[in-house]
Amino acid sequence: MPITIKIAKTGPLIITGEDIAQVQLVDHEGKPVEIPTGKPNLKLCRCGASVTKPFCDGTHSKIGFLAGETAVNAERSGGAA
């Protein structure tokens, strides 16, 4: 099974696959970021509010994060998505 990156509608990027250990994460300077082991997937923060950046800690659900497309659609319709 290939590594898959799923974009959650109002949450993180979720990386899954049989060989998730092959994923290499680097920071803006190209330095390796240690990836937690023993988890079936890797969740990366998109809201910017996670205390455990670059990893998701669920804060998006507490702050009402809306991804770009969802936020634009809500603005156009005059309500929440």
C-alpha atoms as a PDB file:
ATOM      1  CA  MET A   1       0.000   0.000   0.000  1.00  0.00           C
ATOM      2  CA  PRO A   2       1.450   3.401  -0.930  1.00  0.00           C
ATOM      3  CA  ILE A   3       1.870   6.225   1.535  1.00  0.00           C
ATOM      4  CA  THR A   4      -1.264   8.371   1.385  1.00  0.00           C
ATOM      5  CA  ILE A   5      -1.769  11.953   2.530  1.00  0.00           C
ATOM      6  CA  LYS A   6      -5.396  12.744   3.344  1.00  0.00           C
ATOM      7  CA  ILE A   7      -6.486  16.345   3.802  1.00  0.00           C
ATOM      8  CA  ALA A   8      -9.066  16.451   6.582  1.00  0.00           C
ATOM      9  CA  LYS A   9     -11.888  18.910   5.840  1.00  0.00           C
ATOM     10  CA  THR A  10     -11.311  20.983   8.972  1.00  0.00           C
ATOM     11  CA  GLY A  11      -8.344  19.211  10.514  1.00  0.00           C
ATOM     12  CA  PRO A  12      -4.822  17.956   9.936  1.00  0.00           C
ATOM     13  CA  LEU A  13      -2.975  16.321   7.082  1.00  0.00           C
ATOM     14  CA  ILE A  14      -3.128  12.593   7.860  1.00  0.00           C
ATOM     15  CA  ILE A  15      -0.293  10.459   6.503  1.00  0.00           C
ATOM     16  CA  THR A  16      -0.910   6.710   6.379  1.00  0.00           C
ATOM     17  CA  GLY A  17       0.660   3.666   4.776  1.00  0.00           C
ATOM     18  CA  GLU A  18       2.278   0.340   5.517  1.00  0.00           C
ATOM     19  CA  ASP A  19       5.755   1.866   5.476  1.00  0.00           C
ATOM     20  CA  ILE A  20       5.085   5.092   7.395  1.00  0.00           C
ATOM     21  CA  ALA A  21       8.592   4.768   8.885  1.00  0.00           C
ATOM     22  CA  GLN A  22       9.927   5.759   5.450  1.00  0.00           C
ATOM     23  CA  VAL A  23       8.465   9.259   5.798  1.00  0.00           C
ATOM     24  CA  GLN A  24      11.140  11.853   6.424  1.00  0.00           C
ATOM     25  CA  LEU A  25      10.087  15.180   7.885  1.00  0.00           C
ATOM     26  CA  VAL A  26      12.446  18.165   7.773  1.00  0.00           C
ATOM     27  CA  ASP A  27      12.086  21.719   9.058  1.00  0.00           C
ATOM     28  CA  HIS A  28      12.485  24.944   7.067  1.00  0.00           C
ATOM     29  CA  GLU A  29      16.279  24.665   7.395  1.00  0.00           C
ATOM     30  CA  GLY A  30      16.344  21.067   6.167  1.00  0.00           C
ATOM     31  CA  LYS A  31      17.009  19.631   9.635  1.00  0.00           C
ATOM     32  CA  PRO A  32      15.279  16.329  10.449  1.00  0.00           C
ATOM     33  CA  VAL A  33      12.231  16.443  12.716  1.00  0.00           C
ATOM     34  CA  GLU A  34      11.839  13.408  14.965  1.00  0.00           C
ATOM     35  CA  ILE A  35       8.644  11.530  14.190  1.00  0.00           C
ATOM     36  CA  PRO A  36       6.814   9.805  17.057  1.00  0.00           C
ATOM     37  CA  THR A  37       6.972   6.020  16.774  1.00  0.00           C
ATOM     38  CA  GLY A  38       4.338   3.386  17.440  1.00  0.00           C
ATOM     39  CA  LYS A  39       1.451   5.215  15.784  1.00  0.00           C
ATOM     40  CA  PRO A  40      -0.461   3.939  12.723  1.00  0.00           C
ATOM     41  CA  ASN A  41      -0.466   7.377  11.109  1.00  0.00           C
ATOM     42  CA  LEU A  42       1.116  10.797  11.256  1.00  0.00           C
ATOM     43  CA  LYS A  43      -1.042  13.907  11.696  1.00  0.00           C
ATOM     44  CA  LEU A  44       0.397  17.273  10.717  1.00  0.00           C
ATOM     45  CA  CYS A  45      -1.154  20.526  11.948  1.00  0.00           C
ATOM     46  CA  ARG A  46      -2.804  22.852   9.427  1.00  0.00           C
ATOM     47  CA  CYS A  47      -4.438  25.329  11.817  1.00  0.00           C
ATOM     48  CA  GLY A  48      -1.185  26.691  13.253  1.00  0.00           C
ATOM     49  CA  ALA A  49      -2.420  26.520  16.857  1.00  0.00           C
ATOM     50  CA  SER A  50      -1.062  23.107  17.911  1.00  0.00           C
ATOM     51  CA  VAL A  51       1.243  23.121  20.928  1.00  0.00           C
ATOM     52  CA  THR A  52       3.051  20.119  19.424  1.00  0.00           C
ATOM     53  CA  LYS A  53       3.768  21.648  15.980  1.00  0.00           C
ATOM     54  CA  PRO A  54       4.326  20.383  13.386  1.00  0.00           C
ATOM     55  CA  PHE A  55       2.087  17.612  14.744  1.00  0.00           C
ATOM     56  CA  CYS A  56      -1.634  17.953  15.364  1.00  0.00           C
ATOM     57  CA  ASP A  57      -2.828  17.963  18.980  1.00  0.00           C
ATOM     58  CA  GLY A  58      -6.539  18.481  18.231  1.00  0.00           C
ATOM     59  CA  THR A  59      -6.566  22.220  18.919  1.00  0.00           C
ATOM     60  CA  HIS A  60      -8.258  22.840  15.542  1.00  0.00           C
ATOM     61  CA  SER A  61     -11.512  21.515  16.985  1.00  0.00           C
ATOM     62  CA  LYS A  62     -11.319  23.891  19.965  1.00  0.00           C
ATOM     63  CA  ILE A  63     -10.646  27.035  17.930  1.00  0.00           C
ATOM     64  CA  GLY A  64     -13.139  26.396  15.134  1.00  0.00           C
ATOM     65  CA  PHE A  65     -10.522  26.038  12.405  1.00  0.00           C
ATOM     66  CA  LEU A  66     -11.880  26.102   8.871  1.00  0.00           C
ATOM     67  CA  ALA A  67      -9.602  25.173   5.998  1.00  0.00           C
ATOM     68  CA  GLY A  68      -9.286  27.710   3.191  1.00  0.00           C
ATOM     69  CA  GLU A  69     -11.950  26.319   0.854  1.00  0.00           C
ATOM     70  CA  THR A  70     -14.389  25.670   3.704  1.00  0.00           C
ATOM     71  CA  ALA A  71     -13.882  29.178   5.098  1.00  0.00           C
ATOM     72  CA  VAL A  72     -14.409  30.802   1.696  1.00  0.00           C
ATOM     73  CA  ASN A  73     -17.582  28.785   1.085  1.00  0.00           C
ATOM     74  CA  ALA A  74     -18.910  29.730   4.537  1.00  0.00           C
ATOM     75  CA  GLU A  75     -18.155  33.401   3.894  1.00  0.00           C
ATOM     76  CA  ARG A  76     -19.944  33.314   0.547  1.00  0.00           C
ATOM     77  CA  SER A  77     -23.025  31.651   2.022  1.00  0.00           C
ATOM     78  CA  GLY A  78     -23.056  33.977   5.041  1.00  0.00           C
ATOM     79  CA  GLY A  79     -22.757  31.240   7.643  1.00  0.00           C
ATOM     80  CA  ALA A  80     -20.614  28.550   9.168  1.00  0.00           C
ATOM     81  CA  ALA A  81     -19.590  25.564   7.079  1.00  0.00           C
END
